[in-house]
């Protein structure tokens, strides 16, 4: 029993909308579904010499740099996270072949000092990490959209000469003063060369706007619907929405498209607000980045929704 303070790099990953996805699935399919994902993720983590701390349902916490010292643990962690994201296309191809939904994952990577060691009691002990930097990794992961690898400023300072950054974001995190800087990483160079495919994010204008019903999510609980809203532009990964109600950046949403009778069509899309722009008429232009899209709706996105 006992531990020591060590600098490590942490990976926190989580599937987007997983609870909603499995709600209507048979238990046997859920096990196949989850084990396919976890077996691939675990193999990648172990190949990069990670210690897997916890697997909580569809979430994974792993770390690099203890008990085995690894001088390159920040770069190794980023490369591992990118490899995990790159593996999702193969997992989803197998899922679609078996008639199972697609999966999307968000990952956060943070580097910092933690207490690491044998934690627990004489009856049950686990080699684990605790500390504020573990909590920060969890908060960082919550901001990652589907397909993203977000790294902290602490990790970026150690790998800045190796990584390819797509976007630099700032966000307020619960319990932390000021704003945190987050880096959306798409690639890393040698000795761990890997690059994620370019994301299809170009929004295309729809020939006619589509009514959409929006519910806010707070702590994974669905709240009341917002006022009227319409999707005006669409891509594989995002939608531009005109909303009568103000929405807040980074809040989680559930969307349902409406038919001609203003009734919800089957299937729900889950997403996160990434931009809000007030309009002159009192409404709001909102960019929603998808975190989970049902397979049947995703297939419709593969067709051209209209002129650019």
Foldseek 3Di string as FASTA:
>chain_A
DFWDKDKKKKKKKAWFPPCVQCVPPDPVVLCVLQCLLVVVLVVLCVVLVWAWQDDDRRMTMIIDQPPPHDPCRLVSVVLSVLVSLQCQVVSQVVCVVVVGWRIFMFMEMEIDIWIFDWDDDPVDTGTHTDDPRSVVRVQRRLLGATSWYKYFPRSCVVQVVFWDFDDWDWDDTPPDPDITIITTTAFGHPPSGDGHDDDWDDKFFAPDWWKKWKFWADPNDTDDIFATKTFGIDALWKTKMKFLDDDDAFTKMKMFTADPVRHGDPFIWIWGWHDWDQDPVNIIITMTTTSGGTPVVSVVNVDDRDGD
